[in-house]
Amino acid sequence: MALSHQKLCGVSLFATAIFAQVLCSTNQLASTPFSCPFIVLANGTIKYDRPQNSEGDEEYAQEVAQQPMGTIWCLPKTYTMERPPFVGKTSLHQKLMLRFNFDIREVSEVNDGSQTIAIPMYFSVAWNEDRLWVNDSHPAWQENMTGPEQTMTEDPKLLMTEFWVPDIEIYGLEYFGSKSVLKGMSGLRIKKNKTVDYNTKVTVRFSCRMIFDDYPFDSHKCNFLVGSYYYTKDVVTCESTFDNPMENDPSRQRNLQHHIQFSDLNDDHKIIKLNSGDYMACGFQIHLRRKRSQLIFQIYLPCILFVCVSWVSFLIRPLVVPGRMALLVTLFLVLVNIFNNVRSSAPIPASTSLNAIDLYLVVSILMVFLALLEYAVVLFSINREDNFEIHRKKHCLKKAMAQNLGFEDSCSNPTKSMKEMIDEINASLIKTSPDKVLLTQDSYKLGNLSLRKFDMIALVTLPITFLLFNFGYWIHFGLLI
C-alpha cells in the first residue's frame, strides 16, 4: 500500500508522521468513531478516512486543515477507484460530464492508401470528482505555485494508480502515441472545485472513410469522435472544444496534398448508436479538399494540347500517308502512356474504379482515336476508288486485245492510244509517288462528298464535341484552380 500511493496530500514526510502520531497519542480523536483516521504513506502523503454522513469526522477534518501543515486535498480512505463518481448519488438524473479539449498543432499525414489521418495534439479530458476532500481555506489555492490559481499540479501517474478514470474510446482509432522527453509529456491537475484534469501530448491516427469517385477533385469529411464505450448517454455526457492555431497562422501546417479545415460536429454525429445502446460522442470535423493546380498543369493541360494537335491532321493531304499517320499514332500512344502513369500513381482505392481523371483521359484518347478512324475511312475510300478505276481500265484493255480492236473502240477515251493506256495502268499500279497517281485528290469521293470536304466536316465536328465535353465536365465538378 505504501509503495502504490503517491502525492495524495501536499505535506512532508517528517512533519506529517509526527503530526499524526501526536494526534493519536494525545487522544484528540476520541470525539470520532475511529482511533486514527489517517494512513501515513512513505512519500509523506496521507490518506484520510472520511465516512459519509459523519459530522464529527468532518469537523475534525476542518480542524486538521487549519493546522500549519494542513492538507491541501485528499482522497478519503473509503474512496474506491473501481466505482465512478455518479454511483451512490441521490439524484437519479445527475450525469457525469466529461469535458474534452483538443489543442491541434497540425495535420501531419493524410494517407489515401490506408484512409487514415494523423494529428499531433494536446489531448485533455476533465471531470468532476465529488468524492475528493478539498481544503478550501488553504493558502496554496490562492498562489500560482505549480499551476494556475485554484489548481494544484500533481504527478500524472496518480491518475492510473489512485483515481477512477472514465472509459474513453476514440472511434476508428488506429494509433494513440504519447510523446516524452526524459519523461512523459503529460500532466494531472486537481482544481479547487474538485475537477480532475488530465492532459497529454499525443499523435492520434484514426481511420476516415474516403470516396475517390471524383479523384483528383475529391473532398472528404472526417469525424474525430471521442466518447465512453461503457456508459451510455443516460449516465455520461460530454462536451468538447478544440483550438486550431493554423486558422490564424497557416504556415504552421506542413505542406500536404489537401486543403484542411476544422469545424464543430454536426448534431447527428454526436450520438453513436450501437447494439448495446446509445453513446455520447464529442470531437470535431475535418474537411479535406485535394489540391488541384498541380494535376491540372501536369495532366489536363497536356491532354488538351495533344487533342488539339490531332486536329492538325485534317489539314494534311490524305495521300501524304506517312506524315498524317505518324502524327495520329504518336499522339494516341502518348495519351495511353499518360493514362497508365496516372493509374499507377493514383491511390489504391482510386485506381480500383473509373474516376474523374480517368474519364477525362479516356475521352481524350477517344478523340484522337476518332481522328485516326476518320483517316482510316479516307484511306479506305482512296483505295476503293483506285481499285475500281484500275479494274475498269484492265477490263477495257483485255476486251481490246481479245477482239483485236483499238483501245478507242473498247473504252470511252478515243484520244489515247493502246500504249498510252498501258503506261497509265502501269503508273497506277506502281504508284511510285503521289504525283504519278492517275486521280487527283478532289476526284476521290465518299458518297456524294469529296474527301476534302469530309476532312473539313471532321475538323469542325470533333472540336465542337470536345468543347462541349469540357464544358459539361468542369461544370459538373465545379472546379476552380
Protein backbone atom coordinates (compact mmCIF):
# COMPACT_ATOMS: atom_id res chain seq x y z
CA MET A 1 0.00 0.00 0.00
CA ALA A 2 2.76 2.46 0.94
CA LEU A 3 4.56 1.96 -2.35
CA SER A 4 1.48 2.16 -4.58
CA HIS A 5 0.24 5.59 -3.47
CA GLN A 6 1.91 8.85 -4.39
CA LYS A 7 1.29 12.56 -3.76
CA LEU A 8 -2.24 12.36 -2.44
CA CYS A 9 -1.87 15.26 0.00
CA GLY A 10 0.64 18.09 -0.07
CA VAL A 11 2.62 17.64 3.19
CA SER A 12 6.15 16.49 4.03
CA LEU A 13 7.05 13.03 5.32
CA PHE A 14 8.57 14.01 8.63
CA ALA A 15 6.01 16.66 9.63
CA THR A 16 3.04 14.51 8.63
CA ALA A 17 4.22 11.46 10.55
CA ILE A 18 4.90 13.42 13.72
CA PHE A 19 1.62 15.34 13.43
CA ALA A 20 -0.45 12.16 13.03
CA GLN A 21 1.36 10.41 15.88
CA VAL A 22 0.81 13.37 18.21
CA LEU A 23 -2.91 13.42 17.43
CA CYS A 24 -3.29 9.74 18.14
CA SER A 25 -1.16 9.74 21.32
CA THR A 26 -2.97 12.69 22.93
CA ASN A 27 -6.42 11.09 22.37
CA GLN A 28 -7.61 14.03 20.30
CA LEU A 29 -9.53 11.54 18.20
CA ALA A 30 -11.84 10.49 21.00
CA SER A 31 -14.69 12.50 19.52
CA THR A 32 -14.60 10.42 16.34
CA PRO A 33 -15.63 6.79 15.91
CA PHE A 34 -12.15 5.88 14.71
CA SER A 35 -8.92 5.59 16.68
CA CYS A 36 -6.86 7.18 13.92
CA PRO A 37 -8.38 8.07 10.56
CA PHE A 38 -5.04 8.72 8.79
CA ILE A 39 -2.79 6.42 6.81
CA VAL A 40 0.69 7.94 6.52
CA LEU A 41 2.39 6.91 3.29
CA ALA A 42 6.09 6.50 2.71
CA ASN A 43 6.33 9.53 0.48
CA GLY A 44 4.88 11.88 3.08
CA THR A 45 1.25 11.92 1.95
CA ILE A 46 -1.76 10.88 3.97
CA LYS A 47 -4.99 9.16 3.15
CA TYR A 48 -7.92 10.37 5.24
CA ASP A 49 -10.84 8.15 6.17
CA ARG A 50 -13.99 10.28 5.98
CA PRO A 51 -17.09 8.11 6.19
CA GLN A 52 -20.20 9.56 4.60
CA ASN A 53 -22.69 11.38 6.86
CA SER A 54 -20.16 11.60 9.72
CA GLU A 55 -20.44 15.15 11.05
CA GLY A 56 -17.90 14.65 13.81
CA ASP A 57 -15.33 13.35 11.34
CA GLU A 58 -15.98 16.31 9.04
CA GLU A 59 -15.43 18.74 11.89
CA TYR A 60 -12.19 17.01 12.71
CA ALA A 61 -11.05 17.26 9.10
CA GLN A 62 -11.63 21.00 9.15
CA GLU A 63 -9.66 21.24 12.36
CA VAL A 64 -6.75 19.35 10.86
CA ALA A 65 -6.82 21.51 7.77
CA GLN A 66 -6.32 24.64 9.87
CA GLN A 67 -3.01 23.41 11.21
CA PRO A 68 0.21 24.87 9.72
CA MET A 69 0.99 21.58 7.99
CA GLY A 70 -2.63 21.10 6.87
CA THR A 71 -3.72 19.08 3.86
CA ILE A 72 -4.49 20.82 0.54
CA TRP A 73 -6.60 18.00 -0.88
CA CYS A 74 -7.02 14.37 -0.04
CA LEU A 75 -8.72 11.12 -1.04
CA PRO A 76 -10.82 9.52 1.71
CA LYS A 77 -9.86 6.08 2.85
CA THR A 78 -13.27 4.88 1.69
CA TYR A 79 -12.55 6.10 -1.85
CA THR A 80 -12.59 3.33 -4.42
CA MET A 81 -11.21 3.74 -7.91
CA GLU A 82 -13.40 0.95 -9.28
CA ARG A 83 -16.62 2.94 -8.90
CA PRO A 84 -17.49 6.10 -10.88
CA PRO A 85 -18.41 9.35 -9.10
CA PHE A 86 -22.09 9.17 -10.02
CA VAL A 87 -22.65 5.84 -8.25
CA GLY A 88 -24.44 6.45 -4.95
CA LYS A 89 -25.69 9.92 -5.80
CA THR A 90 -29.16 10.73 -4.59
CA SER A 91 -30.25 12.36 -7.84
CA LEU A 92 -31.11 9.77 -10.45
CA HIS A 93 -30.95 12.35 -13.25
CA GLN A 94 -27.49 13.66 -12.46
CA LYS A 95 -24.98 12.75 -15.17
CA LEU A 96 -21.24 12.72 -15.26
CA MET A 97 -19.92 15.41 -17.58
CA LEU A 98 -16.71 14.67 -19.46
CA ARG A 99 -15.03 17.76 -20.87
CA PHE A 100 -12.60 17.29 -23.73
CA ASN A 101 -10.24 19.82 -25.23
CA PHE A 102 -8.14 19.25 -28.34
CA ASP A 103 -5.28 21.67 -28.95
CA ILE A 104 -4.34 20.77 -32.51
CA ARG A 105 -0.82 21.51 -33.68
CA GLU A 106 -1.14 20.39 -37.29
CA VAL A 107 -2.24 17.54 -39.52
CA SER A 108 0.92 15.54 -40.08
CA GLU A 109 -0.36 12.97 -42.57
CA VAL A 110 -3.31 12.12 -44.79
CA ASN A 111 -2.81 8.60 -46.12
CA ASP A 112 -5.06 7.87 -49.09
CA GLY A 113 -3.98 4.25 -49.28
CA SER A 114 -4.86 3.27 -45.71
CA GLN A 115 -7.50 6.04 -45.46
CA THR A 116 -6.16 7.39 -42.17
CA ILE A 117 -5.34 10.82 -40.75
CA ALA A 118 -2.56 11.55 -38.23
CA ILE A 119 -2.90 14.62 -35.96
CA PRO A 120 -0.44 15.74 -33.24
CA MET A 121 -2.38 17.43 -30.44
CA TYR A 122 -2.63 18.17 -26.75
CA PHE A 123 -5.39 15.84 -25.61
CA SER A 124 -7.20 16.89 -22.42
CA VAL A 125 -10.08 15.30 -20.50
CA ALA A 126 -11.61 16.61 -17.27
CA TRP A 127 -14.43 15.50 -14.96
CA ASN A 128 -15.80 16.41 -11.57
CA GLU A 129 -14.75 14.09 -8.71
CA ASP A 130 -17.13 14.92 -5.85
CA ARG A 131 -15.54 12.37 -3.53
CA LEU A 132 -12.37 14.45 -3.16
CA TRP A 133 -11.84 16.28 0.13
CA VAL A 134 -10.55 19.78 -0.56
CA ASN A 135 -9.27 22.29 1.98
CA ASP A 136 -10.87 25.46 0.61
CA SER A 137 -9.04 27.71 3.09
CA HIS A 138 -5.54 26.53 2.33
CA PRO A 139 -3.38 29.40 1.00
CA ALA A 140 -1.93 27.16 -1.74
CA TRP A 141 -5.11 27.62 -3.77
CA GLN A 142 -4.52 31.37 -3.91
CA GLU A 143 -0.94 31.11 -5.12
CA ASN A 144 0.47 30.31 -8.53
CA MET A 145 2.74 27.57 -7.22
CA THR A 146 2.60 24.60 -9.59
CA GLY A 147 -0.07 25.84 -11.94
CA PRO A 148 -2.81 28.45 -12.30
CA GLU A 149 -4.59 29.74 -9.22
CA GLN A 150 -7.01 27.33 -7.56
CA THR A 151 -5.17 24.48 -9.24
CA MET A 152 -2.60 22.00 -8.00
CA THR A 153 -0.37 20.11 -10.43
CA GLU A 154 0.34 16.52 -9.44
CA ASP A 155 2.21 13.51 -10.78
CA PRO A 156 0.15 12.09 -13.69
CA LYS A 157 0.93 8.55 -12.52
CA LEU A 158 -1.62 9.12 -9.74
CA LEU A 159 -4.37 9.01 -12.33
CA MET A 160 -3.84 5.33 -13.03
CA THR A 161 -2.93 4.22 -9.50
CA GLU A 162 -5.35 6.13 -7.27
CA PHE A 163 -8.20 7.72 -9.24
CA TRP A 164 -11.21 6.42 -11.04
CA VAL A 165 -10.77 7.17 -14.75
CA PRO A 166 -13.50 7.21 -17.40
CA ASP A 167 -13.71 4.52 -20.07
CA ILE A 168 -12.79 6.52 -23.15
CA GLU A 169 -12.93 5.36 -26.74
CA ILE A 170 -11.73 7.13 -29.87
CA TYR A 171 -13.85 5.75 -32.69
CA GLY A 172 -11.81 4.39 -35.58
CA LEU A 173 -8.58 4.70 -33.60
CA GLU A 174 -5.51 3.26 -35.33
CA TYR A 175 -2.75 4.63 -33.09
CA PHE A 176 -2.50 6.73 -29.93
CA GLY A 177 1.13 7.57 -29.16
CA SER A 178 2.29 9.71 -26.23
CA LYS A 179 5.33 11.95 -26.53
CA SER A 180 8.14 12.01 -23.99
CA VAL A 181 11.33 13.94 -23.35
CA LEU A 182 13.12 12.46 -20.30
CA LYS A 183 9.63 11.61 -19.09
CA GLY A 184 6.15 11.57 -20.50
CA MET A 185 4.74 14.90 -21.71
CA SER A 186 1.56 14.72 -19.64
CA GLY A 187 0.12 16.38 -16.56
CA LEU A 188 -2.53 15.98 -13.88
CA ARG A 189 -4.22 18.95 -12.25
CA ILE A 190 -6.55 18.95 -9.27
CA LYS A 191 -8.74 22.03 -9.10
CA LYS A 192 -10.33 23.61 -6.08
CA ASN A 193 -13.82 22.83 -7.44
CA LYS A 194 -12.90 19.10 -7.29
CA THR A 195 -12.23 18.80 -11.01
CA VAL A 196 -9.67 16.29 -12.21
CA ASP A 197 -7.97 17.46 -15.40
CA TYR A 198 -5.58 15.22 -17.32
CA ASN A 199 -3.75 16.30 -20.46
CA THR A 200 -1.06 14.77 -22.60
CA LYS A 201 0.69 15.42 -25.89
CA VAL A 202 -0.04 12.65 -28.36
CA THR A 203 -0.20 11.77 -32.02
CA VAL A 204 -3.56 10.29 -32.92
CA ARG A 205 -4.08 8.31 -36.10
CA PHE A 206 -7.66 7.37 -36.89
CA SER A 207 -9.49 5.98 -39.88
CA CYS A 208 -11.60 8.06 -42.25
CA ARG A 209 -13.78 6.62 -44.97
CA MET A 210 -12.88 8.30 -48.25
CA ILE A 211 -14.66 8.03 -51.59
CA PHE A 212 -12.47 8.54 -54.66
CA ASP A 213 -15.07 8.64 -57.43
CA ASP A 214 -14.19 12.30 -58.09
CA TYR A 215 -10.42 11.85 -57.76
CA PRO A 216 -8.40 14.08 -58.08
CA PHE A 217 -11.13 16.62 -57.36
CA ASP A 218 -12.41 14.72 -54.33
CA SER A 219 -13.23 16.21 -50.94
CA HIS A 220 -13.89 14.38 -47.71
CA LYS A 221 -15.41 14.98 -44.28
CA CYS A 222 -13.80 13.04 -41.45
CA ASN A 223 -15.16 12.98 -37.90
CA PHE A 224 -12.88 12.69 -34.89
CA LEU A 225 -15.17 11.17 -32.25
CA VAL A 226 -14.39 10.56 -28.58
CA GLY A 227 -16.78 9.07 -26.06
CA SER A 228 -17.31 6.42 -23.41
CA TYR A 229 -17.50 2.83 -24.56
CA TYR A 230 -19.06 1.58 -21.31
CA TYR A 231 -21.54 4.20 -20.04
CA THR A 232 -24.43 5.25 -22.25
CA LYS A 233 -25.67 8.79 -22.83
CA ASP A 234 -28.18 8.38 -19.98
CA VAL A 235 -25.29 8.26 -17.49
CA VAL A 236 -22.35 10.06 -19.11
CA THR A 237 -22.49 13.09 -21.38
CA CYS A 238 -19.70 15.15 -22.83
CA GLU A 239 -18.75 18.47 -24.33
CA SER A 240 -15.67 19.41 -26.30
CA THR A 241 -13.68 22.38 -27.51
CA PHE A 242 -10.81 22.48 -29.94
CA ASP A 243 -8.13 25.04 -30.62
CA ASN A 244 -6.75 25.29 -34.14
CA PRO A 245 -3.93 27.84 -34.35
CA MET A 246 -3.48 27.04 -38.06
CA GLU A 247 -6.53 29.15 -38.91
CA ASN A 248 -4.66 32.30 -37.86
CA ASP A 249 -1.25 31.06 -38.94
CA PRO A 250 -1.49 28.69 -41.95
CA SER A 251 2.31 28.45 -42.13
CA ARG A 252 2.22 26.12 -39.14
CA GLN A 253 0.56 23.42 -41.27
CA ARG A 254 3.03 21.31 -43.20
CA ASN A 255 2.57 21.04 -46.95
CA LEU A 256 0.20 18.18 -47.82
CA GLN A 257 -1.86 17.29 -50.88
CA HIS A 258 -5.03 18.61 -49.24
CA HIS A 259 -6.50 21.86 -48.04
CA ILE A 260 -7.58 21.30 -44.42
CA GLN A 261 -10.30 22.99 -42.37
CA PHE A 262 -11.79 22.20 -38.95
CA SER A 263 -15.34 22.68 -37.71
CA ASP A 264 -17.67 21.55 -34.94
CA LEU A 265 -19.50 18.28 -35.13
CA ASN A 266 -22.99 18.15 -36.59
CA ASP A 267 -25.72 17.20 -34.15
CA ASP A 268 -26.40 13.92 -35.92
CA HIS A 269 -22.79 12.82 -35.29
CA LYS A 270 -22.91 13.40 -31.52
CA ILE A 271 -24.84 10.19 -30.85
CA ILE A 272 -23.28 6.80 -31.59
CA LYS A 273 -25.87 4.06 -31.92
CA LEU A 274 -24.62 0.57 -31.10
CA ASN A 275 -26.31 -2.70 -30.25
CA SER A 276 -25.55 -2.12 -26.58
CA GLY A 277 -27.14 1.35 -26.53
CA ASP A 278 -26.71 5.00 -27.49
CA TYR A 279 -23.48 6.72 -26.52
CA MET A 280 -22.46 10.37 -26.46
CA ALA A 281 -19.60 11.45 -28.71
CA CYS A 282 -17.54 14.63 -28.76
CA GLY A 283 -14.89 15.86 -31.14
CA PHE A 284 -14.58 17.85 -34.33
CA GLN A 285 -14.93 17.51 -38.07
CA ILE A 286 -12.11 17.75 -40.61
CA HIS A 287 -12.76 18.95 -44.16
CA LEU A 288 -10.24 17.71 -46.72
CA ARG A 289 -10.10 19.10 -50.25
CA ARG A 290 -7.40 17.85 -52.59
CA LYS A 291 -5.13 20.42 -54.17
CA ARG A 292 -5.83 20.64 -57.90
CA SER A 293 -3.38 23.02 -59.56
CA GLN A 294 -0.55 20.52 -59.93
CA LEU A 295 -2.63 17.87 -61.68
CA ILE A 296 -4.32 20.41 -63.93
CA PHE A 297 -0.98 21.61 -65.27
CA GLN A 298 0.63 18.16 -65.38
CA ILE A 299 -2.23 16.08 -66.80
CA TYR A 300 -5.20 18.05 -68.03
CA LEU A 301 -3.42 20.80 -69.94
CA PRO A 302 -1.12 18.40 -71.89
CA CYS A 303 -4.12 16.24 -72.79
CA ILE A 304 -5.98 19.26 -74.16
CA LEU A 305 -2.96 20.27 -76.24
CA PHE A 306 -2.46 16.76 -77.62
CA VAL A 307 -6.08 16.53 -78.69
CA CYS A 308 -5.86 19.93 -80.38
CA VAL A 309 -2.70 18.87 -82.26
CA SER A 310 -4.54 15.80 -83.57
CA TRP A 311 -6.91 18.12 -85.41
CA VAL A 312 -3.98 19.40 -87.50
CA SER A 313 -4.04 16.05 -89.30
CA PHE A 314 -7.24 17.12 -91.08
CA LEU A 315 -5.22 19.81 -92.87
CA ILE A 316 -2.72 17.31 -94.26
CA ARG A 317 -3.49 15.91 -97.74
CA PRO A 318 -4.91 12.37 -97.41
CA LEU A 319 -2.37 11.00 -99.89
CA VAL A 320 0.52 12.01 -97.60
CA VAL A 321 0.09 8.81 -95.62
CA PRO A 322 3.37 8.66 -93.61
CA GLY A 323 3.11 12.17 -92.17
CA ARG A 324 -0.55 12.05 -91.23
CA MET A 325 -0.45 8.51 -89.84
CA ALA A 326 2.72 9.13 -87.81
CA LEU A 327 1.20 12.21 -86.19
CA LEU A 328 -2.00 10.46 -85.08
CA VAL A 329 -0.39 7.23 -83.91
CA THR A 330 2.23 9.13 -81.88
CA LEU A 331 -0.41 11.22 -80.12
CA PHE A 332 -2.51 8.14 -79.43
CA LEU A 333 0.41 6.28 -77.82
CA VAL A 334 1.42 9.32 -75.73
CA LEU A 335 -2.08 9.64 -74.26
CA VAL A 336 -2.21 5.91 -73.50
CA ASN A 337 1.12 6.24 -71.68
CA ILE A 338 -0.20 9.18 -69.63
CA PHE A 339 -3.27 7.15 -68.73
CA ASN A 340 -1.14 4.24 -67.48
CA ASN A 341 1.08 6.55 -65.41
CA VAL A 342 -1.92 8.23 -63.79
CA ARG A 343 -3.45 4.88 -62.88
CA SER A 344 -0.21 3.64 -61.35
CA SER A 345 0.40 6.82 -59.30
CA ALA A 346 -3.18 7.19 -58.04
CA PRO A 347 -4.09 5.97 -54.53
CA ILE A 348 -5.00 2.30 -54.42
CA PRO A 349 -8.70 2.94 -53.65
CA ALA A 350 -8.85 5.46 -56.52
CA SER A 351 -7.26 3.07 -59.01
CA THR A 352 -9.87 0.35 -58.50
CA SER A 353 -12.64 2.21 -60.33
CA LEU A 354 -13.08 4.78 -63.07
CA ASN A 355 -12.74 8.21 -61.51
CA ALA A 356 -12.81 11.77 -62.80
CA ILE A 357 -9.29 11.96 -64.19
CA ASP A 358 -9.63 8.52 -65.79
CA LEU A 359 -12.80 9.68 -67.52
CA TYR A 360 -11.04 12.73 -68.94
CA LEU A 361 -8.10 10.69 -70.20
CA VAL A 362 -10.37 8.09 -71.79
CA VAL A 363 -12.30 10.81 -73.65
CA SER A 364 -9.02 12.41 -74.79
CA ILE A 365 -7.79 9.08 -76.12
CA LEU A 366 -11.15 8.56 -77.81
CA MET A 367 -10.91 11.96 -79.56
CA VAL A 368 -7.52 11.05 -81.06
CA PHE A 369 -8.84 7.61 -81.97
CA LEU A 370 -11.77 9.21 -83.81
CA ALA A 371 -9.34 11.32 -85.83
CA LEU A 372 -7.40 8.16 -86.61
CA LEU A 373 -10.61 6.35 -87.52
CA GLU A 374 -11.64 9.20 -89.82
CA TYR A 375 -8.34 8.91 -91.66
CA ALA A 376 -8.83 5.15 -91.94
CA VAL A 377 -12.17 5.82 -93.68
CA VAL A 378 -10.42 8.25 -96.03
CA LEU A 379 -7.72 5.71 -96.92
CA PHE A 380 -10.34 3.04 -97.48
CA SER A 381 -12.19 5.34 -99.86
CA ILE A 382 -8.99 6.16 -101.77
CA ASN A 383 -8.04 2.51 -102.14
CA ARG A 384 -11.56 1.61 -103.28
CA GLU A 385 -11.55 4.33 -105.96
CA ASP A 386 -8.10 3.32 -107.13
CA ASN A 387 -9.01 -0.34 -107.36
CA PHE A 388 -12.25 0.42 -109.19
CA GLU A 389 -10.50 2.57 -111.79
CA ILE A 390 -7.70 0.07 -112.27
CA HIS A 391 -10.11 -2.81 -112.75
CA ARG A 392 -12.15 -0.77 -115.24
CA LYS A 393 -9.12 0.04 -117.35
CA LYS A 394 -7.87 -3.55 -117.20
CA HIS A 395 -11.24 -4.72 -118.43
CA CYS A 396 -11.09 -2.31 -121.36
CA LEU A 397 -7.56 -3.42 -122.20
CA LYS A 398 -8.44 -7.12 -122.14
CA LYS A 399 -11.51 -6.53 -124.29
CA ALA A 400 -9.48 -4.64 -126.86
CA MET A 401 -6.81 -7.32 -127.05
CA ALA A 402 -9.32 -10.18 -127.26
CA GLN A 403 -11.37 -8.62 -130.08
CA ASN A 404 -8.32 -7.15 -131.85
CA LEU A 405 -9.87 -3.77 -131.56
CA GLY A 406 -8.35 -0.47 -130.90
CA PHE A 407 -8.45 0.83 -127.38
CA GLU A 408 -10.61 3.71 -128.54
CA ASP A 409 -13.28 1.26 -129.66
CA SER A 410 -13.48 -0.59 -126.36
CA CYS A 411 -13.15 2.33 -123.94
CA SER A 412 -14.50 5.81 -123.93
CA ASN A 413 -11.23 7.54 -124.47
CA PRO A 414 -10.59 7.91 -128.19
CA THR A 415 -7.81 10.38 -127.76
CA LYS A 416 -5.36 7.87 -126.23
CA SER A 417 -3.57 5.02 -127.91
CA MET A 418 -3.10 1.49 -126.59
CA LYS A 419 0.47 2.19 -125.47
CA GLU A 420 -0.52 5.31 -123.60
CA MET A 421 -3.28 3.44 -121.80
CA ILE A 422 -0.90 0.66 -120.78
CA ASP A 423 1.57 3.24 -119.45
CA GLU A 424 -1.17 4.85 -117.38
CA ILE A 425 -2.21 1.47 -115.94
CA ASN A 426 1.37 0.63 -115.03
CA ALA A 427 1.79 4.01 -113.38
CA SER A 428 -1.37 3.44 -111.35
CA LEU A 429 -0.20 0.01 -110.22
CA ILE A 430 3.29 1.09 -109.34
CA LYS A 431 2.40 4.37 -107.53
CA THR A 432 5.98 5.37 -107.07
CA SER A 433 4.93 8.83 -105.85
CA PRO A 434 1.69 10.81 -105.31
CA ASP A 435 2.47 12.91 -108.32
CA LYS A 436 2.14 9.89 -110.64
CA VAL A 437 -1.30 8.82 -109.39
CA LEU A 438 -3.97 8.82 -112.01
CA LEU A 439 -6.64 10.54 -109.98
CA THR A 440 -6.33 13.81 -108.22
CA GLN A 441 -7.30 14.36 -104.58
CA ASP A 442 -10.51 16.19 -105.38
CA SER A 443 -11.71 13.42 -107.66
CA TYR A 444 -11.99 10.93 -104.74
CA LYS A 445 -15.49 10.63 -103.35
CA LEU A 446 -17.06 9.31 -100.17
CA GLY A 447 -20.66 9.03 -101.19
CA ASN A 448 -21.61 12.45 -102.51
CA LEU A 449 -18.81 14.17 -100.59
CA SER A 450 -15.29 14.69 -101.70
CA LEU A 451 -12.63 13.56 -99.26
CA ARG A 452 -11.53 17.16 -98.79
CA LYS A 453 -14.99 18.15 -97.61
CA PHE A 454 -15.11 15.07 -95.39
CA ASP A 455 -11.91 16.25 -93.64
CA MET A 456 -13.37 19.72 -93.17
CA ILE A 457 -16.52 18.30 -91.60
CA ALA A 458 -14.37 16.31 -89.15
CA LEU A 459 -12.29 19.41 -88.44
CA VAL A 460 -15.45 21.17 -87.25
CA THR A 461 -17.30 18.30 -85.60
CA LEU A 462 -14.57 16.90 -83.33
CA PRO A 463 -13.51 20.25 -81.78
CA ILE A 464 -17.13 21.14 -81.04
CA THR A 465 -17.68 17.72 -79.41
CA PHE A 466 -14.56 18.06 -77.25
CA LEU A 467 -15.51 21.61 -76.30
CA LEU A 468 -18.99 20.52 -75.18
CA PHE A 469 -17.48 17.68 -73.14
CA ASN A 470 -15.11 20.04 -71.38
CA PHE A 471 -17.89 22.47 -70.61
CA GLY A 472 -20.02 19.76 -69.01
CA TYR A 473 -17.03 18.20 -67.24
CA TRP A 474 -15.83 21.36 -65.50
CA ILE A 475 -19.36 22.48 -64.65
CA HIS A 476 -20.22 19.09 -63.15
CA PHE A 477 -17.27 19.05 -60.80
CA GLY A 478 -17.38 22.80 -60.13
CA LEU A 479 -13.64 23.12 -60.42
CA LEU A 480 -11.51 26.18 -59.90
CA ILE A 481 -7.73 26.24 -59.99
